[in-house]
Amino acid sequence: MDQPGLDAGAHAHALAGLRRINRLSGSAGILWPELAALARRHTGQPLRVLDVATGGGDIPIRLWRRARRAGLALRVDGCDKSSTAVAHAQAEAAAAGADVSFFALDVFAQTIPPGYDVLTCSLFLHHFDRDLAVELLRRLAAAAGRMVLVNDLNRSSTAWLLAYLGTRLLTRSPVVHIDGPLSVAAAFTPGEALALAHDAGMAGATVTRRWPFRYLLKWDKASLLIP
């Protein structure tokens, strides 16, 4: 999906397939407990969340729905480098009646807008080599007011096999068929992800395994105040 010049129709088809995979693998559910806990402690204005590299926007929309059901004040936005992805996400939000906004942003070339309490990022870190992954985490940490949450793939041979089979069962998109196994092969292990966070200056970061073959990297700025 990162391929330059990818046909808009093929891109939209791939985003729809990824939405299905995210739903079944519980991507929003991986992020939700931390967001809900922070929202309950947050006073005053709604907790502001920005989903970086949001793709088709399905994760922010699901987080918005969960917050609405839970009665929590959560303002969720999403950004992506691809104008095709942003347009797709906007259409999905409108169809769902979700109060979620999306905008174009190249996280490596542009400044992340200030004012967000939490920055989330799902299935994006594995797209980069070690140096760029550290730079991405450094940018997220610098822009987040309170917390960074990164949900990504955990590299293993079993995860690769599941990605190979699962992408073929859940979508007919050839882009996703190729992208899924390649993504697992390029992913970091939880230990490697923790080392990336350390090199990005995210003192106190934690990495916990999540089903299926995922991990959640959490960095809370409050941890910097703990001796």
Protein backbone atom coordinates (compact mmCIF):
# COMPACT_ATOMS: atom_id res chain seq x y z
CA MET A 1 0.00 0.00 0.00
CA ASP A 2 3.01 2.29 0.23
CA GLN A 3 3.82 1.78 -3.45
CA PRO A 4 3.99 5.12 -5.30
CA GLY A 5 1.41 5.44 -8.04
CA LEU A 6 -0.80 2.67 -6.70
CA ASP A 7 -4.14 2.76 -8.51
CA ALA A 8 -6.80 4.50 -6.39
CA GLY A 9 -9.26 1.63 -6.90
CA ALA A 10 -6.70 -0.97 -5.84
CA HIS A 11 -5.78 1.21 -2.86
CA ALA A 12 -9.41 1.51 -1.74
CA HIS A 13 -9.87 -2.26 -2.16
CA ALA A 14 -6.80 -2.85 -0.01
CA LEU A 15 -8.03 -0.44 2.67
CA ALA A 16 -11.35 -2.30 2.82
CA GLY A 17 -9.48 -5.58 3.28
CA LEU A 18 -7.31 -4.08 5.99
CA ARG A 19 -10.44 -2.79 7.76
CA ARG A 20 -11.77 -6.36 7.87
CA ILE A 21 -8.47 -7.67 9.24
CA ASN A 22 -8.30 -4.91 11.86
CA ARG A 23 -11.82 -5.73 13.02
CA LEU A 24 -11.15 -9.45 13.43
CA SER A 25 -7.75 -8.95 15.04
CA GLY A 26 -9.12 -6.33 17.46
CA SER A 27 -6.74 -3.50 16.63
CA ALA A 28 -8.97 -0.86 18.24
CA GLY A 29 -9.43 -3.13 21.24
CA ILE A 30 -5.67 -3.23 21.79
CA LEU A 31 -5.59 0.56 22.16
CA TRP A 32 -8.91 1.05 23.94
CA PRO A 33 -8.12 0.02 27.57
CA GLU A 34 -5.28 2.54 27.86
CA LEU A 35 -7.33 5.30 26.22
CA ALA A 36 -10.37 4.60 28.38
CA ALA A 37 -8.32 4.61 31.59
CA LEU A 38 -6.67 7.90 30.65
CA ALA A 39 -9.98 9.46 29.59
CA ARG A 40 -11.48 8.63 33.00
CA ARG A 41 -8.59 10.42 34.72
CA HIS A 42 -8.66 13.35 32.29
CA THR A 43 -10.56 16.40 33.52
CA GLY A 44 -11.85 19.43 31.69
CA GLN A 45 -11.77 19.19 27.90
CA PRO A 46 -12.23 15.88 26.01
CA LEU A 47 -9.14 13.71 25.69
CA ARG A 48 -7.72 14.46 22.24
CA VAL A 49 -6.37 11.51 20.26
CA LEU A 50 -4.62 11.50 16.87
CA ASP A 51 -4.21 8.25 14.95
CA VAL A 52 -1.07 8.61 12.82
CA ALA A 53 -0.91 6.75 9.48
CA THR A 54 -4.59 5.98 9.92
CA GLY A 55 -5.12 4.32 6.53
CA GLY A 56 -8.85 3.85 5.95
CA GLY A 57 -9.72 5.37 9.31
CA ASP A 58 -11.47 2.30 10.71
CA ILE A 59 -9.55 2.34 14.01
CA PRO A 60 -10.44 5.96 14.95
CA ILE A 61 -14.07 5.29 14.00
CA ARG A 62 -14.18 2.22 16.24
CA LEU A 63 -12.52 4.14 19.10
CA TRP A 64 -15.13 6.89 18.71
CA ARG A 65 -17.92 4.31 18.92
CA ARG A 66 -16.44 2.74 22.05
CA ALA A 67 -16.07 6.13 23.72
CA ARG A 68 -19.65 7.02 22.87
CA ARG A 69 -20.97 3.74 24.33
CA ALA A 70 -18.83 4.21 27.46
CA GLY A 71 -19.89 7.83 27.92
CA LEU A 72 -16.27 9.03 27.78
CA ALA A 73 -15.22 12.41 26.39
CA LEU A 74 -12.85 11.42 23.58
CA ARG A 75 -12.05 13.49 20.50
CA VAL A 76 -10.44 11.29 17.85
CA ASP A 77 -8.79 12.45 14.62
CA GLY A 78 -6.71 10.61 12.03
CA CYS A 79 -3.99 11.58 9.58
CA ASP A 80 -2.29 9.85 6.68
CA LYS A 81 0.21 10.73 3.98
CA SER A 82 -2.08 9.36 1.27
CA SER A 83 -4.84 11.63 0.00
CA THR A 84 -6.64 8.49 -1.23
CA ALA A 85 -6.63 7.06 2.29
CA VAL A 86 -7.84 10.35 3.79
CA ALA A 87 -10.73 10.59 1.31
CA HIS A 88 -11.64 6.95 2.00
CA ALA A 89 -11.55 7.55 5.76
CA GLN A 90 -13.70 10.67 5.49
CA ALA A 91 -16.30 8.77 3.47
CA GLU A 92 -16.31 5.91 5.99
CA ALA A 93 -16.80 8.33 8.91
CA ALA A 94 -19.63 10.09 7.13
CA ALA A 95 -21.35 6.79 6.34
CA ALA A 96 -21.03 5.71 9.98
CA GLY A 97 -22.19 9.06 11.33
CA ALA A 98 -18.96 9.26 13.31
CA ASP A 99 -17.66 12.60 14.56
CA VAL A 100 -14.08 11.85 13.47
CA SER A 101 -11.93 14.16 11.33
CA PHE A 102 -9.15 13.18 8.96
CA PHE A 103 -6.39 15.20 7.32
CA ALA A 104 -3.30 14.66 5.17
CA LEU A 105 0.07 14.62 6.93
CA ASP A 106 3.49 13.21 6.10
CA VAL A 107 4.80 12.50 9.59
CA PHE A 108 8.43 12.56 8.42
CA ALA A 109 8.20 15.77 6.38
CA GLN A 110 5.67 17.81 8.36
CA THR A 111 5.12 18.79 11.97
CA ILE A 112 2.45 16.92 13.87
CA PRO A 113 -0.11 19.51 15.00
CA PRO A 114 0.09 20.37 18.71
CA GLY A 115 -2.69 19.89 21.21
CA TYR A 116 -3.13 16.11 21.12
CA ASP A 117 -2.99 14.28 24.44
CA VAL A 118 -2.40 10.86 22.89
CA LEU A 119 -0.85 9.77 19.62
CA THR A 120 -1.71 6.27 18.41
CA CYS A 121 -0.14 4.37 15.54
CA SER A 122 -1.17 0.94 14.28
CA LEU A 123 0.63 -1.39 11.87
CA PHE A 124 2.98 1.33 10.63
CA LEU A 125 6.25 0.94 12.54
CA HIS A 126 7.19 -2.25 10.68
CA HIS A 127 7.30 -0.34 7.38
CA PHE A 128 10.68 1.16 8.32
CA ASP A 129 14.24 0.14 9.02
CA ARG A 130 15.64 0.65 12.49
CA ASP A 131 16.80 4.24 12.06
CA LEU A 132 13.54 5.48 10.57
CA ALA A 133 11.53 3.54 13.17
CA VAL A 134 13.46 5.33 15.93
CA GLU A 135 12.85 8.67 14.20
CA LEU A 136 9.13 7.93 13.96
CA LEU A 137 8.93 7.13 17.67
CA ARG A 138 10.95 10.24 18.50
CA ARG A 139 8.50 12.41 16.53
CA LEU A 140 5.49 10.78 18.18
CA ALA A 141 6.98 11.28 21.64
CA ALA A 142 7.80 14.92 20.96
CA ALA A 143 4.26 15.70 19.78
CA ALA A 144 2.22 13.74 22.33
CA GLY A 145 0.95 15.70 25.30
CA ARG A 146 0.56 12.69 27.58
CA MET A 147 0.93 9.30 25.91
CA VAL A 148 2.03 7.33 22.83
CA LEU A 149 0.46 3.97 21.94
CA VAL A 150 1.91 1.86 19.12
CA ASN A 151 0.13 -1.32 18.07
CA ASP A 152 2.15 -3.45 15.69
CA LEU A 153 3.00 -6.91 14.45
CA ASN A 154 5.21 -9.32 16.37
CA ARG A 155 7.59 -11.08 13.98
CA SER A 156 7.58 -14.89 14.10
CA SER A 157 7.26 -17.80 11.69
CA THR A 158 3.79 -18.63 13.06
CA ALA A 159 2.66 -15.03 12.61
CA TRP A 160 3.91 -15.09 9.01
CA LEU A 161 1.89 -18.23 8.28
CA LEU A 162 -1.22 -16.73 9.87
CA ALA A 163 -0.78 -13.56 7.80
CA TYR A 164 -0.36 -15.57 4.61
CA LEU A 165 -3.50 -17.63 5.22
CA GLY A 166 -5.57 -14.91 6.85
CA THR A 167 -5.11 -12.29 4.16
CA ARG A 168 -6.27 -14.77 1.54
CA LEU A 169 -9.32 -15.78 3.54
CA LEU A 170 -10.42 -12.26 4.50
CA THR A 171 -9.88 -10.26 1.31
CA ARG A 172 -9.46 -10.66 -2.43
CA SER A 173 -7.09 -7.69 -2.60
CA PRO A 174 -3.79 -8.81 -4.18
CA VAL A 175 -2.12 -5.81 -2.53
CA VAL A 176 -3.05 -7.12 0.93
CA HIS A 177 -2.06 -10.67 -0.06
CA ILE A 178 1.45 -9.40 -0.74
CA ASP A 179 1.61 -6.75 1.98
CA GLY A 180 0.50 -8.98 4.88
CA PRO A 181 3.28 -11.60 4.88
CA LEU A 182 5.89 -8.99 3.92
CA SER A 183 4.80 -6.85 6.86
CA VAL A 184 5.23 -9.69 9.35
CA ALA A 185 8.65 -10.53 7.92
CA ALA A 186 9.72 -6.88 8.34
CA ALA A 187 8.21 -6.45 11.80
CA PHE A 188 10.09 -6.02 15.07
CA THR A 189 9.88 -8.37 18.02
CA PRO A 190 8.66 -6.92 21.34
CA GLY A 191 12.24 -6.81 22.61
CA GLU A 192 13.42 -4.99 19.51
CA ALA A 193 10.53 -2.54 19.79
CA LEU A 194 11.49 -1.74 23.39
CA ALA A 195 15.06 -1.08 22.26
CA LEU A 196 13.74 1.29 19.57
CA ALA A 197 11.76 3.19 22.20
CA HIS A 198 14.85 3.45 24.40
CA ASP A 199 16.88 4.87 21.52
CA ALA A 200 14.07 7.33 20.78
CA GLY A 201 14.36 8.72 24.31
CA MET A 202 11.09 7.20 25.53
CA ALA A 203 12.26 6.47 29.08
CA GLY A 204 9.88 4.21 30.96
CA ALA A 205 8.26 2.78 27.82
CA THR A 206 6.72 -0.68 28.10
CA VAL A 207 5.96 -3.34 25.49
CA THR A 208 3.36 -6.03 26.13
CA ARG A 209 2.29 -8.87 23.86
CA ARG A 210 -1.25 -8.82 22.49
CA TRP A 211 -3.30 -11.37 20.58
CA PRO A 212 -2.95 -12.26 17.73
CA PHE A 213 0.82 -11.89 17.30
CA ARG A 214 0.78 -8.21 18.18
CA TYR A 215 2.41 -6.02 20.78
CA LEU A 216 1.48 -2.71 22.36
CA LEU A 217 4.23 -0.18 22.96
CA LYS A 218 3.11 2.34 25.59
CA TRP A 219 4.93 5.48 26.63
CA ASP A 220 3.36 7.67 29.31
CA LYS A 221 5.01 11.04 29.87
CA ALA A 222 3.99 10.76 33.52
CA SER A 223 6.61 8.00 33.83
CA LEU A 224 9.28 10.67 33.41
CA LEU A 225 8.20 12.12 36.77
CA ILE A 226 8.77 8.82 38.56
CA PRO A 227 12.31 8.59 40.05
